[in-house]
Amino acid sequence: MYVILDLKYARLDNYKTMLRHAPERALRERIFPHVAERAELDAFRTAYPVQNFVLALYHTQSRGRYDDPIAGDFTNRYRAPAVMMWWRDRNLSISLIENSRQQRRYRPSFAGALKSVGANVYVHSLGDPNQVQRFWDLGIGVYSDNPFPPLFGPAAARQQEERLIMPDFPEGVIPA
């Protein structure tokens, strides 16, 4: 099991608490904190030499920071193993901040650029099984507010299971 820490406040303090409860290296390597930017990554690395983390673009996007070229450079330079972003297609005619307000960031070319430097790409927060399947078919991981398949009773669950096909992710990609 891997744990992706999507902490909403005091991220470093909460990460340190998790480390205290997971003293073995094998456990610590399975904890993936969300990281917003370089300063935060550096702070996390003062607590533990973390290599497994998720660059959470919604943190910086809402402030108009880490546009695609900067996010790509960060991903490449710091070897971010994973990057997560809003699932809706980005509208290039509006600002990064306005796209954030509309929960937009994904673009196939951006996801491809991140993958080309070795990152696993994830989108969030999905609940629609058709959209989940669409991203799985593209080899993109998915964060969801619901379990897969969404469970709305036995009959609906069976119907959803028939529609959703679990993808074969490449070695090292952890579906979220």
N, C-alpha and C. Protein backbone atom coordinates (compact mmCIF):
# COMPACT_ATOMS: atom_id res chain seq x y z
N MET A 1 0.84 -1.17 0.00
CA MET A 1 0.00 0.00 0.00
C MET A 1 0.89 1.24 0.00
N TYR A 2 0.47 2.23 -0.76
CA TYR A 2 1.11 3.53 -0.79
C TYR A 2 0.14 4.55 -0.23
N VAL A 3 0.66 5.57 0.43
CA VAL A 3 -0.17 6.62 0.99
C VAL A 3 0.21 7.93 0.33
N ILE A 4 -0.76 8.56 -0.29
CA ILE A 4 -0.54 9.87 -0.89
C ILE A 4 -1.14 10.89 0.07
N LEU A 5 -0.28 11.72 0.64
CA LEU A 5 -0.71 12.70 1.64
C LEU A 5 -1.22 13.96 0.96
N ASP A 6 -2.51 14.12 0.96
CA ASP A 6 -3.14 15.33 0.43
C ASP A 6 -3.54 16.18 1.63
N LEU A 7 -2.53 16.68 2.31
CA LEU A 7 -2.75 17.43 3.54
C LEU A 7 -3.21 18.85 3.23
N LYS A 8 -4.16 19.33 3.97
CA LYS A 8 -4.74 20.64 3.69
C LYS A 8 -4.08 21.77 4.48
N TYR A 9 -3.39 21.46 5.55
CA TYR A 9 -2.73 22.48 6.36
C TYR A 9 -1.54 21.83 7.06
N ALA A 10 -0.61 22.64 7.51
CA ALA A 10 0.56 22.17 8.27
C ALA A 10 1.17 20.93 7.62
N ARG A 11 1.38 20.98 6.32
CA ARG A 11 1.81 19.79 5.60
C ARG A 11 3.12 19.22 6.14
N LEU A 12 4.10 20.08 6.42
CA LEU A 12 5.38 19.58 6.92
C LEU A 12 5.22 18.96 8.31
N ASP A 13 4.50 19.62 9.20
CA ASP A 13 4.30 19.07 10.54
C ASP A 13 3.57 17.73 10.48
N ASN A 14 2.56 17.64 9.66
CA ASN A 14 1.82 16.39 9.53
C ASN A 14 2.67 15.30 8.89
N TYR A 15 3.51 15.67 7.95
CA TYR A 15 4.44 14.71 7.34
C TYR A 15 5.40 14.17 8.39
N LYS A 16 5.93 15.04 9.22
CA LYS A 16 6.83 14.60 10.28
C LYS A 16 6.13 13.64 11.23
N THR A 17 4.88 13.90 11.53
CA THR A 17 4.10 12.99 12.38
C THR A 17 3.98 11.62 11.72
N MET A 18 3.71 11.61 10.42
CA MET A 18 3.63 10.33 9.69
C MET A 18 4.96 9.59 9.77
N LEU A 19 6.06 10.31 9.63
CA LEU A 19 7.38 9.68 9.70
C LEU A 19 7.63 9.05 11.07
N ARG A 20 7.19 9.72 12.12
CA ARG A 20 7.37 9.16 13.47
C ARG A 20 6.61 7.83 13.61
N HIS A 21 5.50 7.71 12.92
CA HIS A 21 4.71 6.48 12.99
C HIS A 21 5.17 5.42 11.98
N ALA A 22 6.12 5.79 11.16
CA ALA A 22 6.65 4.86 10.15
C ALA A 22 8.18 4.94 10.17
N PRO A 23 8.80 4.42 11.22
CA PRO A 23 10.25 4.59 11.35
C PRO A 23 11.08 3.78 10.34
N GLU A 24 10.51 2.70 9.78
CA GLU A 24 11.27 1.88 8.86
C GLU A 24 11.32 2.54 7.48
N ARG A 25 12.47 2.45 6.86
CA ARG A 25 12.66 3.05 5.53
C ARG A 25 11.64 2.52 4.52
N ALA A 26 11.39 1.21 4.56
CA ALA A 26 10.44 0.61 3.61
C ALA A 26 9.06 1.25 3.72
N LEU A 27 8.66 1.63 4.92
CA LEU A 27 7.37 2.30 5.09
C LEU A 27 7.44 3.75 4.63
N ARG A 28 8.51 4.44 4.99
CA ARG A 28 8.65 5.86 4.64
C ARG A 28 8.68 6.06 3.12
N GLU A 29 9.23 5.10 2.41
CA GLU A 29 9.30 5.21 0.96
C GLU A 29 7.93 5.03 0.31
N ARG A 30 6.96 4.61 1.07
CA ARG A 30 5.59 4.43 0.56
C ARG A 30 4.69 5.61 0.88
N ILE A 31 5.26 6.63 1.49
CA ILE A 31 4.50 7.85 1.82
C ILE A 31 4.86 8.91 0.78
N PHE A 32 3.87 9.33 0.01
CA PHE A 32 4.06 10.32 -1.04
C PHE A 32 3.37 11.63 -0.63
N PRO A 33 4.12 12.60 -0.13
CA PRO A 33 3.47 13.87 0.20
C PRO A 33 3.19 14.69 -1.06
N HIS A 34 2.13 15.47 -0.99
CA HIS A 34 1.90 16.49 -2.02
C HIS A 34 2.89 17.61 -1.77
N VAL A 35 3.52 18.08 -2.83
CA VAL A 35 4.48 19.17 -2.74
C VAL A 35 4.03 20.25 -3.70
N ALA A 36 4.06 21.49 -3.22
CA ALA A 36 3.61 22.61 -4.05
C ALA A 36 4.74 23.22 -4.87
N GLU A 37 5.92 23.33 -4.28
CA GLU A 37 7.02 24.04 -4.96
C GLU A 37 8.35 23.63 -4.34
N ARG A 38 9.42 24.20 -4.87
CA ARG A 38 10.76 23.81 -4.45
C ARG A 38 11.00 24.06 -2.96
N ALA A 39 10.60 25.20 -2.44
CA ALA A 39 10.83 25.49 -1.03
C ALA A 39 10.17 24.43 -0.14
N GLU A 40 8.99 24.02 -0.52
CA GLU A 40 8.31 22.99 0.27
C GLU A 40 9.02 21.65 0.13
N LEU A 41 9.46 21.30 -1.06
CA LEU A 41 10.22 20.06 -1.24
C LEU A 41 11.48 20.09 -0.39
N ASP A 42 12.19 21.21 -0.39
CA ASP A 42 13.39 21.34 0.44
C ASP A 42 13.05 21.15 1.92
N ALA A 43 11.93 21.72 2.36
CA ALA A 43 11.51 21.58 3.76
C ALA A 43 11.19 20.12 4.08
N PHE A 44 10.48 19.45 3.19
CA PHE A 44 10.19 18.03 3.40
C PHE A 44 11.49 17.24 3.49
N ARG A 45 12.45 17.60 2.68
CA ARG A 45 13.72 16.86 2.68
C ARG A 45 14.57 17.14 3.92
N THR A 46 14.24 18.16 4.70
CA THR A 46 14.93 18.33 5.99
C THR A 46 14.42 17.30 6.99
N ALA A 47 13.18 16.84 6.81
CA ALA A 47 12.61 15.84 7.70
C ALA A 47 13.02 14.43 7.28
N TYR A 48 13.12 14.20 5.98
CA TYR A 48 13.47 12.89 5.44
C TYR A 48 13.89 13.11 3.99
N PRO A 49 14.89 12.39 3.50
CA PRO A 49 15.34 12.62 2.11
C PRO A 49 14.34 12.06 1.09
N VAL A 50 13.16 12.61 1.12
CA VAL A 50 12.05 12.14 0.30
C VAL A 50 12.39 12.19 -1.19
N GLN A 51 12.14 11.08 -1.87
CA GLN A 51 12.27 11.00 -3.32
C GLN A 51 10.90 10.79 -3.96
N ASN A 52 10.00 10.17 -3.20
CA ASN A 52 8.65 9.90 -3.69
C ASN A 52 7.71 11.00 -3.23
N PHE A 53 7.26 11.80 -4.18
CA PHE A 53 6.34 12.88 -3.87
C PHE A 53 5.49 13.16 -5.09
N VAL A 54 4.44 13.91 -4.88
CA VAL A 54 3.54 14.29 -5.96
C VAL A 54 3.55 15.81 -6.06
N LEU A 55 3.92 16.33 -7.23
CA LEU A 55 3.82 17.76 -7.45
C LEU A 55 2.35 18.08 -7.65
N ALA A 56 1.76 18.79 -6.69
CA ALA A 56 0.32 19.09 -6.69
C ALA A 56 0.13 20.48 -7.28
N LEU A 57 -0.20 20.53 -8.56
CA LEU A 57 -0.25 21.81 -9.27
C LEU A 57 -1.38 22.73 -8.82
N TYR A 58 -2.42 22.18 -8.22
CA TYR A 58 -3.51 23.07 -7.81
C TYR A 58 -3.06 24.05 -6.73
N HIS A 59 -2.03 23.70 -5.95
CA HIS A 59 -1.54 24.62 -4.92
C HIS A 59 -0.97 25.90 -5.53
N THR A 60 -0.17 25.75 -6.56
CA THR A 60 0.46 26.93 -7.17
C THR A 60 -0.42 27.56 -8.24
N GLN A 61 -1.21 26.76 -8.91
CA GLN A 61 -2.06 27.29 -9.98
C GLN A 61 -3.02 28.34 -9.46
N SER A 62 -3.55 28.14 -8.28
CA SER A 62 -4.51 29.10 -7.72
C SER A 62 -3.88 30.45 -7.45
N ARG A 63 -2.54 30.50 -7.43
CA ARG A 63 -1.82 31.78 -7.25
C ARG A 63 -1.18 32.25 -8.55
N GLY A 64 -1.51 31.57 -9.65
CA GLY A 64 -0.97 31.96 -10.95
C GLY A 64 0.49 31.61 -11.14
N ARG A 65 0.96 30.61 -10.43
CA ARG A 65 2.36 30.20 -10.49
C ARG A 65 2.48 28.78 -11.06
N TYR A 66 3.66 28.46 -11.53
CA TYR A 66 3.99 27.15 -12.09
C TYR A 66 3.16 26.86 -13.34
N ASP A 67 3.22 27.80 -14.28
CA ASP A 67 2.60 27.53 -15.58
C ASP A 67 3.32 26.34 -16.21
N ASP A 68 2.81 25.84 -17.30
CA ASP A 68 3.28 24.58 -17.87
C ASP A 68 4.81 24.49 -18.02
N PRO A 69 5.49 25.49 -18.61
CA PRO A 69 6.94 25.35 -18.75
C PRO A 69 7.67 25.26 -17.41
N ILE A 70 7.22 26.02 -16.42
CA ILE A 70 7.85 25.99 -15.10
C ILE A 70 7.58 24.64 -14.42
N ALA A 71 6.35 24.18 -14.52
CA ALA A 71 6.00 22.87 -13.93
C ALA A 71 6.81 21.77 -14.59
N GLY A 72 6.97 21.84 -15.91
CA GLY A 72 7.77 20.84 -16.61
C GLY A 72 9.23 20.89 -16.20
N ASP A 73 9.78 22.10 -16.05
CA ASP A 73 11.16 22.25 -15.61
C ASP A 73 11.34 21.69 -14.19
N PHE A 74 10.42 22.02 -13.29
CA PHE A 74 10.49 21.49 -11.93
C PHE A 74 10.46 19.97 -11.95
N THR A 75 9.53 19.42 -12.71
CA THR A 75 9.37 17.97 -12.79
C THR A 75 10.66 17.31 -13.26
N ASN A 76 11.27 17.89 -14.27
CA ASN A 76 12.52 17.35 -14.81
C ASN A 76 13.68 17.56 -13.84
N ARG A 77 13.85 18.77 -13.35
CA ARG A 77 15.00 19.12 -12.51
C ARG A 77 15.00 18.34 -11.20
N TYR A 78 13.84 18.20 -10.56
CA TYR A 78 13.76 17.55 -9.26
C TYR A 78 13.25 16.12 -9.36
N ARG A 79 13.16 15.63 -10.58
CA ARG A 79 12.75 14.25 -10.84
C ARG A 79 11.46 13.88 -10.10
N ALA A 80 10.50 14.76 -10.24
CA ALA A 80 9.20 14.49 -9.61
C ALA A 80 8.63 13.21 -10.18
N PRO A 81 8.40 12.22 -9.35
CA PRO A 81 7.88 10.96 -9.87
C PRO A 81 6.41 11.03 -10.28
N ALA A 82 5.69 12.04 -9.76
CA ALA A 82 4.27 12.15 -10.08
C ALA A 82 3.84 13.61 -10.06
N VAL A 83 2.90 13.93 -10.94
CA VAL A 83 2.33 15.27 -11.03
C VAL A 83 0.82 15.10 -11.11
N MET A 84 0.11 15.90 -10.30
CA MET A 84 -1.35 15.83 -10.37
C MET A 84 -1.92 17.20 -10.66
N MET A 85 -3.03 17.18 -11.41
CA MET A 85 -3.65 18.43 -11.86
C MET A 85 -5.16 18.24 -11.99
N TRP A 86 -5.87 19.37 -12.13
CA TRP A 86 -7.31 19.30 -12.38
C TRP A 86 -7.56 18.55 -13.67
N TRP A 87 -8.65 17.82 -13.73
CA TRP A 87 -8.94 16.94 -14.87
C TRP A 87 -9.54 17.67 -16.06
N ARG A 88 -10.20 18.78 -15.85
CA ARG A 88 -10.85 19.45 -16.98
C ARG A 88 -9.80 20.10 -17.88
N ASP A 89 -10.10 20.15 -19.18
CA ASP A 89 -9.16 20.71 -20.14
C ASP A 89 -8.93 22.19 -19.87
N ARG A 90 -7.67 22.56 -19.92
CA ARG A 90 -7.28 23.95 -19.70
C ARG A 90 -7.75 24.81 -20.87
N ASN A 91 -8.23 25.99 -20.55
CA ASN A 91 -8.64 26.98 -21.54
C ASN A 91 -7.51 27.99 -21.65
N LEU A 92 -6.79 27.96 -22.75
CA LEU A 92 -5.62 28.83 -22.90
C LEU A 92 -5.98 30.30 -23.11
N SER A 93 -7.27 30.60 -23.32
CA SER A 93 -7.66 32.00 -23.53
C SER A 93 -7.91 32.73 -22.20
N ILE A 94 -7.83 32.02 -21.08
CA ILE A 94 -7.99 32.66 -19.78
C ILE A 94 -6.77 32.38 -18.91
N SER A 95 -6.63 33.11 -17.83
CA SER A 95 -5.45 33.01 -16.98
C SER A 95 -5.36 31.66 -16.27
N LEU A 96 -4.17 31.38 -15.80
CA LEU A 96 -3.94 30.17 -15.01
C LEU A 96 -4.83 30.19 -13.76
N ILE A 97 -4.95 31.35 -13.14
CA ILE A 97 -5.79 31.47 -11.95
C ILE A 97 -7.25 31.20 -12.28
N GLU A 98 -7.74 31.78 -13.38
CA GLU A 98 -9.14 31.56 -13.76
C GLU A 98 -9.37 30.09 -14.11
N ASN A 99 -8.40 29.46 -14.76
CA ASN A 99 -8.50 28.02 -15.02
C ASN A 99 -8.60 27.26 -13.69
N SER A 100 -7.85 27.69 -12.70
CA SER A 100 -7.91 27.04 -11.39
C SER A 100 -9.30 27.18 -10.79
N ARG A 101 -9.87 28.37 -10.88
CA ARG A 101 -11.22 28.58 -10.35
C ARG A 101 -12.24 27.65 -11.01
N GLN A 102 -11.99 27.35 -12.28
CA GLN A 102 -12.89 26.45 -13.03
C GLN A 102 -12.44 24.99 -12.96
N GLN A 103 -11.42 24.74 -12.14
CA GLN A 103 -10.85 23.40 -11.97
C GLN A 103 -10.41 22.80 -13.31
N ARG A 104 -9.58 23.58 -14.02
CA ARG A 104 -9.05 23.18 -15.32
C ARG A 104 -7.52 23.22 -15.29
N ARG A 105 -6.88 22.21 -15.86
CA ARG A 105 -5.43 22.26 -16.05
C ARG A 105 -4.96 21.25 -17.10
N TYR A 106 -5.60 20.12 -17.20
CA TYR A 106 -5.14 19.05 -18.08
C TYR A 106 -5.11 19.49 -19.54
N ARG A 107 -4.07 19.12 -20.23
CA ARG A 107 -3.98 19.19 -21.69
C ARG A 107 -3.15 18.00 -22.11
N PRO A 108 -3.55 17.32 -23.18
CA PRO A 108 -2.77 16.15 -23.61
C PRO A 108 -1.30 16.46 -23.85
N SER A 109 -1.00 17.61 -24.45
CA SER A 109 0.40 17.94 -24.73
C SER A 109 1.19 18.18 -23.45
N PHE A 110 0.56 18.79 -22.46
CA PHE A 110 1.21 19.02 -21.16
C PHE A 110 1.46 17.69 -20.46
N ALA A 111 0.45 16.83 -20.43
CA ALA A 111 0.62 15.51 -19.83
C ALA A 111 1.73 14.73 -20.54
N GLY A 112 1.76 14.82 -21.87
CA GLY A 112 2.80 14.14 -22.64
C GLY A 112 4.19 14.66 -22.31
N ALA A 113 4.31 15.97 -22.15
CA ALA A 113 5.61 16.56 -21.80
C ALA A 113 6.07 16.08 -20.42
N LEU A 114 5.15 16.01 -19.48
CA LEU A 114 5.50 15.53 -18.13
C LEU A 114 5.90 14.07 -18.17
N LYS A 115 5.18 13.27 -18.93
CA LYS A 115 5.52 11.86 -19.06
C LYS A 115 6.89 11.69 -19.72
N SER A 116 7.20 12.56 -20.68
CA SER A 116 8.47 12.43 -21.40
C SER A 116 9.69 12.67 -20.51
N VAL A 117 9.50 13.36 -19.39
CA VAL A 117 10.61 13.55 -18.45
C VAL A 117 10.52 12.58 -17.28
N GLY A 118 9.63 11.60 -17.39
CA GLY A 118 9.60 10.50 -16.42
C GLY A 118 8.53 10.57 -15.35
N ALA A 119 7.65 11.56 -15.40
CA ALA A 119 6.63 11.67 -14.36
C ALA A 119 5.40 10.83 -14.69
N ASN A 120 4.77 10.32 -13.66
CA ASN A 120 3.45 9.71 -13.78
C ASN A 120 2.44 10.82 -13.60
N VAL A 121 1.48 10.89 -14.49
CA VAL A 121 0.51 11.99 -14.48
C VAL A 121 -0.82 11.49 -13.92
N TYR A 122 -1.38 12.31 -13.04
CA TYR A 122 -2.67 12.03 -12.43
C TYR A 122 -3.57 13.24 -12.59
N VAL A 123 -4.86 12.99 -12.66
CA VAL A 123 -5.86 14.06 -12.66
C VAL A 123 -6.79 13.85 -11.46
N HIS A 124 -7.41 14.94 -11.05
CA HIS A 124 -8.34 14.89 -9.91
C HIS A 124 -9.48 15.85 -10.17
N SER A 125 -10.49 15.82 -9.47
CA SER A 125 -11.12 14.81 -8.67
C SER A 125 -12.32 14.34 -9.47
N LEU A 126 -12.28 13.11 -9.86
CA LEU A 126 -13.29 12.54 -10.74
C LEU A 126 -14.26 11.64 -10.01
N GLY A 127 -15.49 11.64 -10.47
CA GLY A 127 -16.50 10.72 -9.97
C GLY A 127 -17.26 10.06 -11.10
N ASP A 128 -17.19 10.63 -12.29
CA ASP A 128 -17.91 10.11 -13.45
C ASP A 128 -17.14 8.93 -14.04
N PRO A 129 -17.72 7.73 -14.02
CA PRO A 129 -17.01 6.55 -14.53
C PRO A 129 -16.56 6.69 -15.99
N ASN A 130 -17.33 7.42 -16.80
CA ASN A 130 -16.92 7.59 -18.20
C ASN A 130 -15.64 8.42 -18.30
N GLN A 131 -15.53 9.44 -17.46
CA GLN A 131 -14.31 10.25 -17.46
C GLN A 131 -13.14 9.48 -16.87
N VAL A 132 -13.41 8.70 -15.82
CA VAL A 132 -12.36 7.85 -15.26
C VAL A 132 -11.82 6.93 -16.35
N GLN A 133 -12.72 6.28 -17.07
CA GLN A 133 -12.30 5.36 -18.13
C GLN A 133 -11.52 6.08 -19.22
N ARG A 134 -11.97 7.28 -19.57
CA ARG A 134 -11.28 8.06 -20.60
C ARG A 134 -9.82 8.31 -20.21
N PHE A 135 -9.59 8.72 -18.98
CA PHE A 135 -8.21 8.97 -18.55
C PHE A 135 -7.42 7.68 -18.41
N TRP A 136 -8.05 6.62 -17.91
CA TRP A 136 -7.35 5.34 -17.85
C TRP A 136 -6.91 4.91 -19.23
N ASP A 137 -7.79 5.08 -20.22
CA ASP A 137 -7.45 4.71 -21.59
C ASP A 137 -6.25 5.51 -22.11
N LEU A 138 -6.06 6.71 -21.56
CA LEU A 138 -4.93 7.55 -21.95
C LEU A 138 -3.67 7.25 -21.13
N GLY A 139 -3.78 6.33 -20.17
CA GLY A 139 -2.64 6.01 -19.30
C GLY A 139 -2.42 7.06 -18.23
N ILE A 140 -3.49 7.78 -17.88
CA ILE A 140 -3.41 8.82 -16.86
C ILE A 140 -4.08 8.29 -15.59
N GLY A 141 -3.40 8.43 -14.46
CA GLY A 141 -3.97 8.02 -13.18
C GLY A 141 -5.08 8.97 -12.75
N VAL A 142 -5.91 8.51 -11.86
CA VAL A 142 -7.10 9.27 -11.46
C VAL A 142 -7.22 9.30 -9.94
N TYR A 143 -7.44 10.50 -9.41
CA TYR A 143 -7.88 10.66 -8.02
C TYR A 143 -9.39 10.77 -8.08
N SER A 144 -10.07 10.15 -7.15
CA SER A 144 -11.52 10.19 -7.16
C SER A 144 -12.06 10.45 -5.77
N ASP A 145 -13.24 11.03 -5.73
CA ASP A 145 -13.95 11.19 -4.47
C ASP A 145 -14.75 9.94 -4.15
N ASN A 146 -14.76 8.98 -5.06
CA ASN A 146 -15.52 7.74 -4.91
C ASN A 146 -14.60 6.55 -5.14
N PRO A 147 -14.94 5.40 -4.56
CA PRO A 147 -14.17 4.19 -4.90
C PRO A 147 -14.44 3.79 -6.34
N PHE A 148 -13.54 3.01 -6.93
CA PHE A 148 -13.74 2.50 -8.29
C PHE A 148 -14.25 1.08 -8.20
N PRO A 149 -15.28 0.74 -8.87
CA PRO A 149 -16.21 1.64 -9.53
C PRO A 149 -17.08 2.33 -8.48
N PRO A 150 -17.66 3.47 -8.85
CA PRO A 150 -18.55 4.12 -7.87
C PRO A 150 -19.65 3.15 -7.45
N LEU A 151 -19.84 3.04 -6.17
CA LEU A 151 -20.78 2.07 -5.62
C LEU A 151 -22.08 2.76 -5.23
N PHE A 152 -23.12 2.51 -6.00
CA PHE A 152 -24.43 3.09 -5.74
C PHE A 152 -25.46 1.99 -5.55
N GLY A 153 -25.07 0.87 -4.99
CA GLY A 153 -25.98 -0.27 -4.81
C GLY A 153 -25.52 -1.42 -5.67
N PRO A 154 -25.93 -2.64 -5.36
CA PRO A 154 -25.43 -3.83 -6.04
C PRO A 154 -25.63 -3.85 -7.55
N ALA A 155 -26.81 -3.48 -8.01
CA ALA A 155 -27.07 -3.52 -9.46
C ALA A 155 -26.24 -2.48 -10.18
N ALA A 156 -26.20 -1.27 -9.63
CA ALA A 156 -25.42 -0.19 -10.26
C ALA A 156 -23.93 -0.53 -10.23
N ALA A 157 -23.47 -1.13 -9.14
CA ALA A 157 -22.06 -1.50 -9.03
C ALA A 157 -21.68 -2.51 -10.11
N ARG A 158 -22.54 -3.53 -10.30
CA ARG A 158 -22.25 -4.52 -11.34
C ARG A 158 -22.20 -3.87 -12.71
N GLN A 159 -23.14 -2.97 -12.97
CA GLN A 159 -23.17 -2.28 -14.26
C GLN A 159 -21.91 -1.44 -14.45
N GLN A 160 -21.50 -0.74 -13.40
CA GLN A 160 -20.29 0.07 -13.49
C GLN A 160 -19.06 -0.80 -13.71
N GLU A 161 -18.98 -1.93 -13.01
CA GLU A 161 -17.83 -2.82 -13.17
C GLU A 161 -17.70 -3.30 -14.61
N GLU A 162 -18.82 -3.53 -15.27
CA GLU A 162 -18.79 -3.98 -16.65
C GLU A 162 -18.28 -2.87 -17.58
N ARG A 163 -18.52 -1.61 -17.23
CA ARG A 163 -18.11 -0.48 -18.07
C ARG A 163 -16.68 -0.06 -17.83
N LEU A 164 -16.18 -0.19 -16.60
CA LEU A 164 -14.82 0.24 -16.28
C LEU A 164 -13.84 -0.90 -16.50
N ILE A 165 -12.77 -0.61 -17.18
CA ILE A 165 -11.73 -1.58 -17.42
C ILE A 165 -10.46 -1.05 -16.79
N MET A 166 -9.89 -1.79 -15.85
CA MET A 166 -8.68 -1.35 -15.18
C MET A 166 -7.53 -1.38 -16.18
N PRO A 167 -6.81 -0.27 -16.32
CA PRO A 167 -5.72 -0.24 -17.29
C PRO A 167 -4.49 -0.99 -16.78
N ASP A 168 -3.62 -1.33 -17.68
CA ASP A 168 -2.31 -1.85 -17.32
C ASP A 168 -1.35 -0.68 -17.35
N PHE A 169 -1.00 -0.17 -16.14
CA PHE A 169 -0.06 0.94 -16.07
C PHE A 169 1.35 0.41 -16.20
N PRO A 170 2.26 1.21 -16.75
CA PRO A 170 3.66 0.78 -16.83
C PRO A 170 4.24 0.54 -15.44
N GLU A 171 5.30 -0.23 -15.38
CA GLU A 171 5.99 -0.52 -14.14
C GLU A 171 6.30 0.78 -13.40
N GLY A 172 5.96 0.84 -12.13
CA GLY A 172 6.26 2.01 -11.32
C GLY A 172 5.14 3.04 -11.25
N VAL A 173 4.12 2.92 -12.08
CA VAL A 173 3.00 3.85 -12.03
C VAL A 173 2.02 3.33 -11.01
N ILE A 174 1.66 4.18 -10.07
CA ILE A 174 0.76 3.77 -9.02
C ILE A 174 -0.58 4.44 -9.27
N PRO A 175 -1.62 3.69 -9.65
CA PRO A 175 -2.91 4.31 -9.87
C PRO A 175 -3.47 4.84 -8.56
N ALA A 176 -3.91 6.09 -8.57
CA ALA A 176 -4.44 6.70 -7.34
C ALA A 176 -5.94 6.61 -7.35
